[in-house]
Amino acid sequence: MTWAWSPKLPTRVAVMRHGRLVETGTLDTILRAPTMEYTRNLLSAVPSLVPRAPRPKSTEPVVLEANELGKVYRERSLFGRVREVAAAQDVTLNPCARAARSALSAKAGPANRRWRAASSG
């Protein structure tokens, strides 16, 4: 995790939970090597702005697509400035009837037979 801060920020910080002091220390120590589990959990909950490595290609059939999805991460500085990173914009997904049919065909059962009959028309 990469952290950057302005020299105008305080050099010491305190972490509180339910109105009680959990941990205090220098900003650098708290961000890089927190001693309390609660502080580590808080820091790990911050979403990374670095993209993950791509997953290997799957050999499984695609059975679902959706339309116009997006995800934006927002980060607010201590002084109210907002930084936005668009992780995805206007993602379109649609049902893949052929792949869905073949995936359901592999399963036996009356519900699947009714779906195949309704979707093949």
C-alpha atoms as a PDB file:
ATOM      1  CA  MET A   1       0.000   0.000   0.000  1.00  0.00           C
ATOM      2  CA  THR A   2       1.369   3.421  -0.899  1.00  0.00           C
ATOM      3  CA  TRP A   3       0.595   6.429   1.269  1.00  0.00           C
ATOM      4  CA  ALA A   4       1.355  10.056   0.575  1.00  0.00           C
ATOM      5  CA  TRP A   5       0.691  13.031   2.782  1.00  0.00           C
ATOM      6  CA  SER A   6       1.386  16.718   3.011  1.00  0.00           C
ATOM      7  CA  PRO A   7       3.948  18.134   5.445  1.00  0.00           C
ATOM      8  CA  LYS A   8       1.094  20.266   6.818  1.00  0.00           C
ATOM      9  CA  LEU A   9      -0.627  17.175   8.267  1.00  0.00           C
ATOM     10  CA  PRO A  10      -0.029  16.283  11.907  1.00  0.00           C
ATOM     11  CA  THR A  11       2.915  14.008  12.667  1.00  0.00           C
ATOM     12  CA  ARG A  12       1.088  12.128  15.425  1.00  0.00           C
ATOM     13  CA  VAL A  13      -2.288  10.430  15.063  1.00  0.00           C
ATOM     14  CA  ALA A  14      -4.743   8.572  17.253  1.00  0.00           C
ATOM     15  CA  VAL A  15      -7.091   5.732  16.315  1.00  0.00           C
ATOM     16  CA  MET A  16     -10.372   5.545  18.220  1.00  0.00           C
ATOM     17  CA  ARG A  17     -13.055   2.857  18.411  1.00  0.00           C
ATOM     18  CA  HIS A  18     -16.412   3.453  20.113  1.00  0.00           C
ATOM     19  CA  GLY A  19     -15.060   6.655  21.689  1.00  0.00           C
ATOM     20  CA  ARG A  20     -12.007   4.957  23.216  1.00  0.00           C
ATOM     21  CA  LEU A  21      -8.385   5.401  22.240  1.00  0.00           C
ATOM     22  CA  VAL A  22      -7.070   2.247  20.549  1.00  0.00           C
ATOM     23  CA  GLU A  23      -3.647   3.287  19.301  1.00  0.00           C
ATOM     24  CA  THR A  24      -1.472   6.388  19.054  1.00  0.00           C
ATOM     25  CA  GLY A  25       1.782   7.014  17.261  1.00  0.00           C
ATOM     26  CA  THR A  26       3.480   8.839  14.458  1.00  0.00           C
ATOM     27  CA  LEU A  27       1.601   8.991  11.190  1.00  0.00           C
ATOM     28  CA  ASP A  28       4.284   6.927   9.495  1.00  0.00           C
ATOM     29  CA  THR A  29       4.220   4.216  12.185  1.00  0.00           C
ATOM     30  CA  ILE A  30       0.433   3.946  12.251  1.00  0.00           C
ATOM     31  CA  LEU A  31       0.167   3.714   8.450  1.00  0.00           C
ATOM     32  CA  ARG A  32       3.128   1.382   7.864  1.00  0.00           C
ATOM     33  CA  ALA A  33       3.281  -0.804  10.994  1.00  0.00           C
ATOM     34  CA  PRO A  34       0.151  -0.568  13.164  1.00  0.00           C
ATOM     35  CA  THR A  35       0.339  -2.641  16.348  1.00  0.00           C
ATOM     36  CA  MET A  36      -3.374  -3.091  17.061  1.00  0.00           C
ATOM     37  CA  GLU A  37      -5.570  -5.489  15.072  1.00  0.00           C
ATOM     38  CA  TYR A  38      -8.375  -2.901  14.847  1.00  0.00           C
ATOM     39  CA  THR A  39      -6.031  -0.383  13.198  1.00  0.00           C
ATOM     40  CA  ARG A  40      -4.757  -3.036  10.759  1.00  0.00           C
ATOM     41  CA  ASN A  41      -8.368  -3.924   9.874  1.00  0.00           C
ATOM     42  CA  LEU A  42      -9.220  -0.251   9.273  1.00  0.00           C
ATOM     43  CA  LEU A  43      -6.238   0.194   6.966  1.00  0.00           C
ATOM     44  CA  SER A  44      -6.911  -3.032   5.074  1.00  0.00           C
ATOM     45  CA  ALA A  45     -10.523  -1.917   4.450  1.00  0.00           C
ATOM     46  CA  VAL A  46      -9.323   0.995   2.288  1.00  0.00           C
ATOM     47  CA  PRO A  47      -9.779  -0.114  -1.345  1.00  0.00           C
ATOM     48  CA  SER A  48      -6.622  -0.165  -3.398  1.00  0.00           C
ATOM     49  CA  LEU A  49      -6.411   2.143  -6.387  1.00  0.00           C
ATOM     50  CA  VAL A  50      -3.921  -0.258  -7.982  1.00  0.00           C
ATOM     51  CA  PRO A  51      -5.708  -2.745 -10.271  1.00  0.00           C
ATOM     52  CA  ARG A  52      -5.429  -6.464  -9.543  1.00  0.00           C
ATOM     53  CA  ALA A  53      -3.588  -8.805 -11.885  1.00  0.00           C
ATOM     54  CA  PRO A  54      -5.941 -10.247 -14.536  1.00  0.00           C
ATOM     55  CA  ARG A  55      -7.448 -13.658 -13.843  1.00  0.00           C
ATOM     56  CA  PRO A  56      -6.594 -16.563 -16.145  1.00  0.00           C
ATOM     57  CA  LYS A  57      -9.101 -17.170 -18.957  1.00  0.00           C
ATOM     58  CA  SER A  58     -11.879 -19.577 -18.018  1.00  0.00           C
ATOM     59  CA  THR A  59     -13.030 -22.470 -20.169  1.00  0.00           C
ATOM     60  CA  GLU A  60     -16.510 -22.320 -18.594  1.00  0.00           C
ATOM     61  CA  PRO A  61     -19.354 -20.937 -20.750  1.00  0.00           C
ATOM     62  CA  VAL A  62     -20.570 -17.382 -20.133  1.00  0.00           C
ATOM     63  CA  VAL A  63     -24.166 -17.501 -18.920  1.00  0.00           C
ATOM     64  CA  LEU A  64     -24.942 -13.903 -17.915  1.00  0.00           C
ATOM     65  CA  GLU A  65     -24.252 -10.364 -19.027  1.00  0.00           C
ATOM     66  CA  ALA A  66     -25.670  -7.080 -17.573  1.00  0.00           C
ATOM     67  CA  ASN A  67     -26.010  -3.521 -18.955  1.00  0.00           C
ATOM     68  CA  GLU A  68     -24.316  -0.176 -18.208  1.00  0.00           C
ATOM     69  CA  LEU A  69     -22.582  -1.081 -14.955  1.00  0.00           C
ATOM     70  CA  GLY A  70     -19.860   1.032 -13.398  1.00  0.00           C
ATOM     71  CA  LYS A  71     -17.749   1.425 -10.278  1.00  0.00           C
ATOM     72  CA  VAL A  72     -16.109   4.623  -9.010  1.00  0.00           C
ATOM     73  CA  TYR A  73     -13.825   4.779  -5.981  1.00  0.00           C
ATOM     74  CA  ARG A  74     -13.938   8.098  -4.130  1.00  0.00           C
ATOM     75  CA  GLU A  75     -11.296   9.328  -1.750  1.00  0.00           C
ATOM     76  CA  ARG A  76     -11.772  12.460   0.346  1.00  0.00           C
ATOM     77  CA  SER A  77      -8.774  14.293   1.770  1.00  0.00           C
ATOM     78  CA  LEU A  78      -8.736  15.834   5.225  1.00  0.00           C
ATOM     79  CA  PHE A  79      -9.402  19.209   3.596  1.00  0.00           C
ATOM     80  CA  GLY A  80     -12.465  18.083   1.645  1.00  0.00           C
ATOM     81  CA  ARG A  81     -10.867  17.586  -1.780  1.00  0.00           C
ATOM     82  CA  VAL A  82     -12.399  14.573  -3.539  1.00  0.00           C
ATOM     83  CA  ARG A  83     -10.419  12.280  -5.834  1.00  0.00           C
ATOM     84  CA  GLU A  84     -12.341   9.859  -8.018  1.00  0.00           C
ATOM     85  CA  VAL A  85     -11.015   6.831  -9.852  1.00  0.00           C
ATOM     86  CA  ALA A  86     -13.360   5.129 -12.307  1.00  0.00           C
ATOM     87  CA  ALA A  87     -12.684   1.402 -12.103  1.00  0.00           C
ATOM     88  CA  ALA A  88     -15.345   0.596 -14.713  1.00  0.00           C
ATOM     89  CA  GLN A  89     -17.733   2.639 -16.856  1.00  0.00           C
ATOM     90  CA  ASP A  90     -20.697   1.619 -19.026  1.00  0.00           C
ATOM     91  CA  VAL A  91     -20.046  -2.119 -18.736  1.00  0.00           C
ATOM     92  CA  THR A  92     -22.682  -4.042 -20.694  1.00  0.00           C
ATOM     93  CA  LEU A  93     -23.640  -7.632 -19.901  1.00  0.00           C
ATOM     94  CA  ASN A  94     -26.384  -9.687 -21.621  1.00  0.00           C
ATOM     95  CA  PRO A  95     -27.773 -13.224 -21.137  1.00  0.00           C
ATOM     96  CA  CYS A  96     -26.059 -15.749 -23.347  1.00  0.00           C
ATOM     97  CA  ALA A  97     -28.960 -18.079 -24.132  1.00  0.00           C
ATOM     98  CA  ARG A  98     -26.885 -20.747 -25.930  1.00  0.00           C
ATOM     99  CA  ALA A  99     -24.326 -21.002 -23.120  1.00  0.00           C
ATOM    100  CA  ALA A 100     -27.057 -20.892 -20.459  1.00  0.00           C
ATOM    101  CA  ARG A 101     -29.025 -23.607 -22.241  1.00  0.00           C
ATOM    102  CA  SER A 102     -26.002 -25.885 -22.515  1.00  0.00           C
ATOM    103  CA  ALA A 103     -25.083 -25.280 -18.863  1.00  0.00           C
ATOM    104  CA  LEU A 104     -28.616 -26.152 -17.737  1.00  0.00           C
ATOM    105  CA  SER A 105     -28.790 -29.131 -20.079  1.00  0.00           C
ATOM    106  CA  ALA A 106     -25.995 -30.726 -18.100  1.00  0.00           C
ATOM    107  CA  LYS A 107     -28.282 -30.832 -15.039  1.00  0.00           C
ATOM    108  CA  ALA A 108     -31.250 -33.162 -14.777  1.00  0.00           C
ATOM    109  CA  GLY A 109     -34.566 -32.179 -13.221  1.00  0.00           C
ATOM    110  CA  PRO A 110     -38.098 -31.066 -14.123  1.00  0.00           C
ATOM    111  CA  ALA A 111     -37.374 -27.349 -13.530  1.00  0.00           C
ATOM    112  CA  ASN A 112     -34.525 -27.423 -16.059  1.00  0.00           C
ATOM    113  CA  ARG A 113     -36.664 -29.282 -18.614  1.00  0.00           C
ATOM    114  CA  ARG A 114     -39.407 -26.619 -18.277  1.00  0.00           C
ATOM    115  CA  TRP A 115     -36.809 -23.836 -18.776  1.00  0.00           C
ATOM    116  CA  ARG A 116     -35.376 -25.531 -21.892  1.00  0.00           C
ATOM    117  CA  ALA A 117     -38.858 -25.961 -23.337  1.00  0.00           C
ATOM    118  CA  ALA A 118     -39.763 -22.310 -22.681  1.00  0.00           C
ATOM    119  CA  SER A 119     -36.467 -20.916 -23.997  1.00  0.00           C
ATOM    120  CA  SER A 120     -36.233 -22.996 -27.158  1.00  0.00           C
ATOM    121  CA  GLY A 121     -39.341 -21.479 -28.740  1.00  0.00           C
END
